[in-house]
């Protein structure tokens, strides 16, 4: 058994759920994450191993103002949905999303098998997350500290 600063990702708790408020949370049903960098105390970037059940998704289609994102497919097949359309990613394939580029993206598992990806993102606390398909905006904050509003800044509900 490795000891810190090393770890076995299988020993990290697999978390279900999302910080999205209802009804937006339905987009990620069947998704779990193992927050590797959080377990190691790293704060400047995040790395997650994310599993998506058949029919599950990584997120709502979104883009970040200040955060770069990178995904790498480990297992299964996912459909990458962007402003330019859809494409299938298989194991060994990857995609990257530069901060500030308004190209909404998400991954969907439309297969009958579990899909597993690695997600890497910078953790810029000035980041705002934009959702082009939904009347939703996420102001700076991480996980339980995220503040969701309508696009015009008014409270949800």
N, C-alpha and C. Protein backbone atom coordinates (compact mmCIF):
# COMPACT_ATOMS: atom_id res chain seq x y z
N UNK A 1 0.85 -1.18 0.00
CA UNK A 1 0.00 0.00 0.00
C UNK A 1 0.89 1.24 0.00
N UNK A 2 0.73 2.10 -1.02
CA UNK A 2 1.55 3.31 -1.05
C UNK A 2 1.19 4.26 0.08
N UNK A 3 2.12 5.12 0.42
CA UNK A 3 1.84 6.14 1.44
C UNK A 3 2.10 7.52 0.84
N UNK A 4 1.43 8.52 1.39
CA UNK A 4 1.53 9.89 0.88
C UNK A 4 3.00 10.28 0.83
N UNK A 5 3.44 10.84 -0.30
CA UNK A 5 2.66 11.53 -1.31
C UNK A 5 2.10 10.65 -2.43
N UNK A 6 2.22 9.34 -2.34
CA UNK A 6 1.63 8.44 -3.34
C UNK A 6 0.30 7.93 -2.81
N UNK A 7 -0.54 7.47 -3.72
CA UNK A 7 -1.79 6.85 -3.29
C UNK A 7 -2.31 5.92 -4.36
N UNK A 8 -3.15 5.01 -3.95
CA UNK A 8 -3.86 4.12 -4.85
C UNK A 8 -5.23 4.75 -5.09
N UNK A 9 -5.56 5.18 -6.31
CA UNK A 9 -6.85 5.82 -6.55
C UNK A 9 -8.05 5.00 -6.09
N UNK A 10 -7.90 3.69 -6.06
CA UNK A 10 -8.99 2.82 -5.61
C UNK A 10 -9.33 2.99 -4.14
N UNK A 11 -8.43 3.61 -3.38
CA UNK A 11 -8.69 3.83 -1.96
C UNK A 11 -9.41 5.15 -1.69
N UNK A 12 -9.57 5.97 -2.72
CA UNK A 12 -10.25 7.26 -2.57
C UNK A 12 -11.75 7.03 -2.70
N UNK A 13 -12.50 7.64 -1.81
CA UNK A 13 -13.95 7.50 -1.83
C UNK A 13 -14.51 7.98 -3.17
N UNK A 14 -15.40 7.19 -3.73
CA UNK A 14 -16.06 7.54 -4.96
C UNK A 14 -17.33 8.31 -4.62
N UNK A 15 -17.40 9.58 -5.04
CA UNK A 15 -18.51 10.46 -4.67
C UNK A 15 -19.52 10.57 -5.78
N UNK A 16 -20.78 10.34 -5.45
CA UNK A 16 -21.88 10.55 -6.39
C UNK A 16 -22.46 11.93 -6.12
N UNK A 17 -23.28 12.40 -7.01
CA UNK A 17 -23.92 13.68 -6.80
C UNK A 17 -23.20 14.81 -7.51
N UNK A 18 -23.74 15.99 -7.33
CA UNK A 18 -23.24 17.17 -8.02
C UNK A 18 -23.55 18.41 -7.20
N UNK A 19 -22.88 19.49 -7.51
CA UNK A 19 -23.22 20.75 -6.87
C UNK A 19 -24.33 21.49 -7.63
N UNK A 20 -24.72 20.97 -8.79
CA UNK A 20 -25.82 21.59 -9.54
C UNK A 20 -27.10 21.57 -8.71
N UNK A 21 -27.84 22.67 -8.71
CA UNK A 21 -29.14 22.66 -8.05
C UNK A 21 -30.17 21.93 -8.93
N UNK A 22 -31.25 21.45 -8.31
CA UNK A 22 -32.34 20.84 -9.08
C UNK A 22 -32.98 21.92 -9.93
N UNK A 23 -33.43 21.62 -11.10
CA UNK A 23 -33.48 20.33 -11.78
C UNK A 23 -32.24 20.03 -12.62
N UNK A 24 -31.22 20.91 -12.56
CA UNK A 24 -30.03 20.76 -13.39
C UNK A 24 -29.19 19.54 -13.00
N UNK A 25 -29.38 19.04 -11.78
CA UNK A 25 -28.60 17.91 -11.29
C UNK A 25 -28.86 16.61 -12.05
N UNK A 26 -29.95 16.54 -12.77
CA UNK A 26 -30.29 15.31 -13.51
C UNK A 26 -29.27 14.98 -14.59
N UNK A 27 -28.57 15.99 -15.11
CA UNK A 27 -27.60 15.78 -16.19
C UNK A 27 -26.45 14.88 -15.78
N UNK A 28 -26.18 14.78 -14.48
CA UNK A 28 -25.02 14.01 -14.03
C UNK A 28 -25.41 12.76 -13.24
N UNK A 29 -26.67 12.35 -13.33
CA UNK A 29 -27.05 11.11 -12.66
C UNK A 29 -26.23 9.97 -13.23
N UNK A 30 -25.78 9.08 -12.36
CA UNK A 30 -24.94 7.97 -12.81
C UNK A 30 -23.47 8.32 -12.91
N UNK A 31 -23.07 9.48 -12.40
CA UNK A 31 -21.67 9.90 -12.43
C UNK A 31 -21.09 9.83 -11.03
N UNK A 32 -19.88 9.30 -10.92
CA UNK A 32 -19.15 9.34 -9.66
C UNK A 32 -17.74 9.86 -9.93
N UNK A 33 -17.14 10.45 -8.88
CA UNK A 33 -15.80 11.02 -9.01
C UNK A 33 -14.92 10.59 -7.84
N UNK A 34 -13.67 10.36 -8.15
CA UNK A 34 -12.63 10.18 -7.13
C UNK A 34 -11.72 11.40 -7.28
N UNK A 35 -11.73 12.26 -6.28
CA UNK A 35 -10.97 13.52 -6.33
C UNK A 35 -9.54 13.27 -5.85
N UNK A 36 -8.67 12.95 -6.79
CA UNK A 36 -7.31 12.55 -6.46
C UNK A 36 -6.50 13.67 -5.85
N UNK A 37 -6.48 14.83 -6.49
CA UNK A 37 -5.65 15.92 -5.98
C UNK A 37 -6.17 16.44 -4.65
N UNK A 38 -7.47 16.43 -4.47
CA UNK A 38 -8.02 16.85 -3.18
C UNK A 38 -7.53 15.92 -2.07
N UNK A 39 -7.47 14.62 -2.35
CA UNK A 39 -6.98 13.66 -1.36
C UNK A 39 -5.51 13.89 -1.01
N UNK A 40 -4.77 14.46 -1.95
CA UNK A 40 -3.34 14.72 -1.73
C UNK A 40 -3.06 16.13 -1.22
N UNK A 41 -4.11 16.93 -1.04
CA UNK A 41 -3.94 18.27 -0.52
C UNK A 41 -3.48 19.29 -1.55
N UNK A 42 -3.60 18.97 -2.84
CA UNK A 42 -3.20 19.90 -3.89
C UNK A 42 -4.35 20.87 -4.16
N UNK A 43 -4.03 22.14 -4.37
CA UNK A 43 -5.08 23.15 -4.50
C UNK A 43 -5.03 23.97 -5.79
N UNK A 44 -3.95 23.90 -6.55
CA UNK A 44 -3.82 24.77 -7.73
C UNK A 44 -4.39 24.15 -9.00
N UNK A 45 -4.59 22.84 -8.99
CA UNK A 45 -5.24 22.16 -10.11
C UNK A 45 -5.95 20.94 -9.54
N UNK A 46 -6.92 20.44 -10.31
CA UNK A 46 -7.69 19.29 -9.86
C UNK A 46 -7.58 18.15 -10.86
N UNK A 47 -7.52 16.94 -10.33
CA UNK A 47 -7.55 15.73 -11.15
C UNK A 47 -8.56 14.79 -10.52
N UNK A 48 -9.51 14.37 -11.33
CA UNK A 48 -10.53 13.42 -10.90
C UNK A 48 -10.53 12.22 -11.82
N UNK A 49 -10.82 11.05 -11.25
CA UNK A 49 -11.20 9.90 -12.06
C UNK A 49 -12.71 9.85 -11.98
N UNK A 50 -13.35 9.98 -13.13
CA UNK A 50 -14.80 10.07 -13.20
C UNK A 50 -15.36 8.87 -13.94
N UNK A 51 -16.35 8.24 -13.33
CA UNK A 51 -17.07 7.14 -13.96
C UNK A 51 -18.46 7.61 -14.33
N UNK A 52 -18.89 7.24 -15.54
CA UNK A 52 -20.24 7.56 -15.99
C UNK A 52 -20.96 6.27 -16.36
N UNK A 53 -22.07 6.02 -15.70
CA UNK A 53 -22.89 4.87 -16.01
C UNK A 53 -23.52 5.07 -17.38
N UNK A 54 -23.99 4.00 -18.01
CA UNK A 54 -24.73 4.18 -19.27
C UNK A 54 -25.85 5.20 -19.09
N UNK A 55 -25.92 6.13 -20.01
CA UNK A 55 -26.92 7.19 -19.93
C UNK A 55 -26.48 8.38 -19.10
N UNK A 56 -25.34 8.30 -18.44
CA UNK A 56 -24.85 9.38 -17.58
C UNK A 56 -24.05 10.41 -18.34
N UNK A 57 -23.83 11.54 -17.69
CA UNK A 57 -23.07 12.62 -18.30
C UNK A 57 -22.06 13.18 -17.33
N UNK A 58 -21.05 13.86 -17.88
CA UNK A 58 -20.01 14.46 -17.07
C UNK A 58 -20.49 15.75 -16.41
N UNK A 59 -21.31 16.50 -17.13
CA UNK A 59 -21.72 17.84 -16.68
C UNK A 59 -22.79 18.35 -17.64
N UNK A 60 -23.39 19.46 -17.30
CA UNK A 60 -24.16 20.22 -18.28
C UNK A 60 -23.16 20.77 -19.28
N UNK A 61 -23.62 21.08 -20.48
CA UNK A 61 -22.71 21.69 -21.44
C UNK A 61 -22.31 23.05 -20.88
N UNK A 62 -21.00 23.32 -20.82
CA UNK A 62 -20.49 24.49 -20.13
C UNK A 62 -19.15 24.93 -20.71
N UNK A 63 -18.72 26.13 -20.28
CA UNK A 63 -17.35 26.60 -20.54
C UNK A 63 -16.94 27.50 -19.37
N UNK A 64 -15.62 27.62 -19.19
CA UNK A 64 -15.06 28.35 -18.05
C UNK A 64 -14.39 29.65 -18.47
N UNK A 65 -14.57 30.69 -17.69
CA UNK A 65 -13.93 31.97 -17.97
C UNK A 65 -12.43 31.95 -17.69
N UNK A 66 -12.00 31.25 -16.63
CA UNK A 66 -10.60 31.29 -16.20
C UNK A 66 -9.97 29.91 -15.98
N UNK A 67 -10.65 28.86 -16.34
CA UNK A 67 -10.14 27.52 -16.02
C UNK A 67 -9.94 26.71 -17.29
N UNK A 68 -8.71 26.22 -17.47
CA UNK A 68 -8.44 25.25 -18.53
C UNK A 68 -8.97 23.89 -18.08
N UNK A 69 -9.42 23.09 -19.03
CA UNK A 69 -9.87 21.73 -18.73
C UNK A 69 -9.27 20.75 -19.73
N UNK A 70 -9.02 19.54 -19.26
CA UNK A 70 -8.48 18.47 -20.08
C UNK A 70 -9.16 17.18 -19.66
N UNK A 71 -9.55 16.36 -20.62
CA UNK A 71 -10.11 15.04 -20.31
C UNK A 71 -9.40 13.97 -21.12
N UNK A 72 -9.26 12.80 -20.52
CA UNK A 72 -8.60 11.66 -21.15
C UNK A 72 -9.46 10.43 -20.89
N UNK A 73 -9.79 9.71 -21.93
CA UNK A 73 -10.66 8.54 -21.79
C UNK A 73 -9.82 7.32 -21.44
N UNK A 74 -10.15 6.70 -20.31
CA UNK A 74 -9.47 5.48 -19.87
C UNK A 74 -10.19 4.22 -20.32
N UNK A 75 -11.53 4.24 -20.24
CA UNK A 75 -12.31 3.03 -20.49
C UNK A 75 -13.66 3.42 -21.08
N UNK A 76 -14.15 2.62 -22.00
CA UNK A 76 -15.47 2.85 -22.56
C UNK A 76 -15.44 3.88 -23.67
N UNK A 77 -16.61 4.41 -23.93
CA UNK A 77 -16.80 5.33 -25.03
C UNK A 77 -17.70 6.47 -24.57
N UNK A 78 -17.32 7.69 -24.90
CA UNK A 78 -18.13 8.85 -24.55
C UNK A 78 -18.34 9.71 -25.79
N UNK A 79 -19.43 10.46 -25.79
CA UNK A 79 -19.69 11.40 -26.87
C UNK A 79 -19.36 12.79 -26.35
N UNK A 80 -18.44 13.45 -27.02
CA UNK A 80 -18.08 14.82 -26.71
C UNK A 80 -19.04 15.73 -27.48
N UNK A 81 -19.77 16.55 -26.75
CA UNK A 81 -20.73 17.49 -27.34
C UNK A 81 -20.17 18.89 -27.17
N UNK A 82 -19.97 19.60 -28.29
CA UNK A 82 -19.46 20.97 -28.28
C UNK A 82 -20.33 21.83 -29.18
N UNK A 83 -19.98 23.10 -29.27
CA UNK A 83 -20.70 23.99 -30.18
C UNK A 83 -20.61 23.53 -31.63
N UNK A 84 -19.53 22.82 -31.97
CA UNK A 84 -19.33 22.35 -33.35
C UNK A 84 -20.01 21.03 -33.65
N UNK A 85 -20.65 20.41 -32.65
CA UNK A 85 -21.34 19.14 -32.88
C UNK A 85 -20.87 18.07 -31.92
N UNK A 86 -20.91 16.83 -32.40
CA UNK A 86 -20.60 15.68 -31.56
C UNK A 86 -19.51 14.84 -32.20
N UNK A 87 -18.71 14.19 -31.33
CA UNK A 87 -17.75 13.21 -31.79
C UNK A 87 -17.53 12.19 -30.69
N UNK A 88 -17.23 10.98 -31.10
CA UNK A 88 -17.03 9.88 -30.15
C UNK A 88 -15.57 9.80 -29.75
N UNK A 89 -15.34 9.69 -28.43
CA UNK A 89 -13.99 9.51 -27.90
C UNK A 89 -13.89 8.12 -27.30
N UNK A 90 -12.80 7.44 -27.58
CA UNK A 90 -12.56 6.08 -27.09
C UNK A 90 -11.28 6.07 -26.24
N UNK A 91 -10.99 4.96 -25.57
CA UNK A 91 -9.79 4.91 -24.72
C UNK A 91 -8.53 5.38 -25.45
N UNK A 92 -7.78 6.22 -24.74
CA UNK A 92 -6.56 6.78 -25.29
C UNK A 92 -6.76 8.13 -25.97
N UNK A 93 -8.02 8.52 -26.17
CA UNK A 93 -8.29 9.81 -26.80
C UNK A 93 -8.47 10.87 -25.71
N UNK A 94 -8.25 12.12 -26.08
CA UNK A 94 -8.36 13.21 -25.11
C UNK A 94 -8.94 14.44 -25.77
N UNK A 95 -9.29 15.41 -24.94
CA UNK A 95 -9.81 16.70 -25.43
C UNK A 95 -9.39 17.77 -24.44
N UNK A 96 -9.24 19.00 -24.93
CA UNK A 96 -8.86 20.11 -24.07
C UNK A 96 -9.70 21.34 -24.37
N UNK A 97 -9.93 22.12 -23.34
CA UNK A 97 -10.80 23.28 -23.43
C UNK A 97 -10.11 24.47 -22.76
N UNK A 98 -9.62 25.42 -23.58
CA UNK A 98 -8.92 26.58 -23.02
C UNK A 98 -9.86 27.51 -22.25
N UNK A 99 -9.34 28.09 -21.20
CA UNK A 99 -10.09 29.08 -20.42
C UNK A 99 -10.48 30.24 -21.32
N UNK A 100 -11.69 30.76 -21.09
CA UNK A 100 -12.15 31.94 -21.79
C UNK A 100 -12.68 31.71 -23.18
N UNK A 101 -12.61 30.49 -23.69
CA UNK A 101 -13.13 30.19 -25.03
C UNK A 101 -14.58 29.72 -24.87
N UNK A 102 -15.55 30.49 -25.35
CA UNK A 102 -16.96 30.15 -25.13
C UNK A 102 -17.45 29.03 -26.04
N UNK A 103 -16.90 27.83 -25.83
CA UNK A 103 -17.30 26.63 -26.57
C UNK A 103 -17.87 25.65 -25.56
N UNK A 104 -19.20 25.68 -25.39
CA UNK A 104 -19.83 24.79 -24.42
C UNK A 104 -19.54 23.34 -24.74
N UNK A 105 -19.21 22.56 -23.72
CA UNK A 105 -18.83 21.17 -23.91
C UNK A 105 -19.30 20.31 -22.74
N UNK A 106 -19.50 19.03 -23.03
CA UNK A 106 -19.77 18.02 -22.00
C UNK A 106 -19.52 16.66 -22.63
N UNK A 107 -19.48 15.65 -21.79
CA UNK A 107 -19.33 14.27 -22.24
C UNK A 107 -20.58 13.51 -21.85
N UNK A 108 -21.04 12.64 -22.73
CA UNK A 108 -22.21 11.81 -22.46
C UNK A 108 -21.86 10.36 -22.74
N UNK A 109 -22.31 9.48 -21.87
CA UNK A 109 -22.11 8.05 -22.08
C UNK A 109 -23.39 7.48 -22.68
N UNK A 110 -23.37 7.29 -23.97
CA UNK A 110 -24.53 6.74 -24.67
C UNK A 110 -24.39 5.25 -24.94
N UNK A 111 -23.36 4.65 -24.39
CA UNK A 111 -23.12 3.22 -24.60
C UNK A 111 -23.81 2.39 -23.51
N UNK A 112 -23.62 1.09 -23.59
CA UNK A 112 -24.18 0.17 -22.59
C UNK A 112 -23.16 -0.21 -21.53
N UNK A 113 -21.99 0.40 -21.56
CA UNK A 113 -20.90 0.08 -20.64
C UNK A 113 -20.54 1.31 -19.81
N UNK A 114 -19.92 1.08 -18.66
CA UNK A 114 -19.41 2.19 -17.85
C UNK A 114 -18.25 2.83 -18.60
N UNK A 115 -18.20 4.15 -18.58
CA UNK A 115 -17.08 4.89 -19.17
C UNK A 115 -16.29 5.52 -18.02
N UNK A 116 -14.96 5.55 -18.17
CA UNK A 116 -14.09 6.12 -17.15
C UNK A 116 -13.16 7.12 -17.82
N UNK A 117 -13.10 8.33 -17.24
CA UNK A 117 -12.24 9.37 -17.78
C UNK A 117 -11.40 9.98 -16.66
N UNK A 118 -10.32 10.61 -17.05
CA UNK A 118 -9.56 11.45 -16.14
C UNK A 118 -9.90 12.89 -16.51
N UNK A 119 -10.24 13.70 -15.52
CA UNK A 119 -10.51 15.12 -15.72
C UNK A 119 -9.41 15.91 -15.03
N UNK A 120 -8.88 16.90 -15.72
CA UNK A 120 -7.86 17.78 -15.15
C UNK A 120 -8.33 19.22 -15.38
N UNK A 121 -8.27 20.02 -14.33
CA UNK A 121 -8.66 21.42 -14.47
C UNK A 121 -7.84 22.30 -13.57
N UNK A 122 -7.57 23.50 -14.06
CA UNK A 122 -6.93 24.48 -13.20
C UNK A 122 -7.98 24.95 -12.20
N UNK A 123 -7.55 25.50 -11.10
CA UNK A 123 -8.49 25.91 -10.05
C UNK A 123 -8.35 27.40 -9.80
N UNK A 124 -8.84 28.17 -10.75
CA UNK A 124 -8.76 29.61 -10.63
C UNK A 124 -9.99 30.12 -9.90
N UNK A 125 -9.80 30.72 -8.76
CA UNK A 125 -10.94 31.17 -7.95
C UNK A 125 -11.68 32.36 -8.56
N UNK A 126 -11.18 32.92 -9.66
CA UNK A 126 -11.90 33.97 -10.39
C UNK A 126 -12.79 33.38 -11.48
N UNK A 127 -12.77 32.07 -11.61
CA UNK A 127 -13.50 31.40 -12.67
C UNK A 127 -15.01 31.52 -12.50
N UNK A 128 -15.68 31.78 -13.61
CA UNK A 128 -17.14 31.67 -13.67
C UNK A 128 -17.44 30.62 -14.74
N UNK A 129 -18.45 29.82 -14.49
CA UNK A 129 -18.81 28.76 -15.42
C UNK A 129 -20.13 29.12 -16.09
N UNK A 130 -20.12 29.08 -17.41
CA UNK A 130 -21.26 29.48 -18.23
C UNK A 130 -21.91 28.24 -18.84
N UNK A 131 -23.23 28.23 -18.91
CA UNK A 131 -24.01 27.10 -19.41
C UNK A 131 -24.88 27.58 -20.57
N UNK A 132 -24.41 27.41 -21.82
CA UNK A 132 -25.12 27.98 -22.96
C UNK A 132 -26.53 27.43 -23.20
N UNK A 133 -26.80 26.22 -22.76
CA UNK A 133 -28.10 25.60 -23.01
C UNK A 133 -29.10 25.82 -21.88
N UNK A 134 -28.65 26.39 -20.77
CA UNK A 134 -29.48 26.53 -19.58
C UNK A 134 -29.37 27.94 -19.03
N UNK A 135 -30.42 28.41 -18.38
CA UNK A 135 -30.40 29.73 -17.73
C UNK A 135 -29.68 29.57 -16.38
N UNK A 136 -28.36 29.40 -16.47
CA UNK A 136 -27.57 29.07 -15.30
C UNK A 136 -26.18 29.69 -15.43
N UNK A 137 -25.67 30.17 -14.33
CA UNK A 137 -24.32 30.71 -14.23
C UNK A 137 -23.77 30.27 -12.88
N UNK A 138 -22.52 29.86 -12.86
CA UNK A 138 -21.87 29.50 -11.60
C UNK A 138 -20.78 30.52 -11.34
N UNK A 139 -20.95 31.26 -10.27
CA UNK A 139 -19.97 32.26 -9.88
C UNK A 139 -18.82 31.57 -9.16
N UNK A 140 -17.70 32.27 -8.99
CA UNK A 140 -16.53 31.62 -8.39
C UNK A 140 -16.84 30.90 -7.08
N UNK A 141 -16.24 29.73 -6.97
CA UNK A 141 -16.41 28.88 -5.79
C UNK A 141 -16.25 27.44 -6.21
N UNK A 142 -15.84 26.60 -5.31
CA UNK A 142 -15.60 25.20 -5.61
C UNK A 142 -16.56 24.32 -4.84
N UNK A 143 -17.08 23.31 -5.53
CA UNK A 143 -17.91 22.27 -4.93
C UNK A 143 -19.02 22.86 -4.06
N UNK A 144 -18.97 22.65 -2.77
CA UNK A 144 -20.05 23.11 -1.90
C UNK A 144 -20.11 24.63 -1.76
N UNK A 145 -19.07 25.34 -2.20
CA UNK A 145 -19.06 26.80 -2.13
C UNK A 145 -19.55 27.46 -3.42
N UNK A 146 -19.88 26.67 -4.42
CA UNK A 146 -20.33 27.23 -5.70
C UNK A 146 -21.63 27.99 -5.50
N UNK A 147 -21.75 29.11 -6.22
CA UNK A 147 -22.96 29.93 -6.15
C UNK A 147 -23.59 29.94 -7.54
N UNK A 148 -24.75 29.32 -7.66
CA UNK A 148 -25.47 29.27 -8.93
C UNK A 148 -26.55 30.34 -8.96
N UNK A 149 -26.65 31.01 -10.11
CA UNK A 149 -27.69 32.02 -10.33
C UNK A 149 -28.21 31.83 -11.75
N UNK A 150 -29.23 32.61 -12.10
CA UNK A 150 -29.63 32.70 -13.50
C UNK A 150 -28.52 33.47 -14.22
N UNK A 151 -28.53 33.43 -15.55
CA UNK A 151 -27.49 34.09 -16.33
C UNK A 151 -27.39 35.58 -16.05
N UNK A 152 -28.53 36.22 -15.72
CA UNK A 152 -28.51 37.65 -15.44
C UNK A 152 -28.10 37.99 -14.00
N UNK A 153 -27.76 36.94 -13.23
CA UNK A 153 -27.30 37.14 -11.86
C UNK A 153 -28.39 37.06 -10.80
N UNK A 154 -29.64 36.95 -11.21
CA UNK A 154 -30.73 36.84 -10.23
C UNK A 154 -30.73 35.45 -9.60
N UNK A 155 -31.19 35.34 -8.37
CA UNK A 155 -31.22 34.03 -7.70
C UNK A 155 -32.11 33.02 -8.42
N UNK A 156 -31.76 31.75 -8.29
CA UNK A 156 -32.59 30.68 -8.85
C UNK A 156 -33.86 30.55 -8.03
N UNK A 157 -34.90 30.05 -8.67
CA UNK A 157 -36.13 29.75 -7.93
C UNK A 157 -37.13 30.78 -8.13
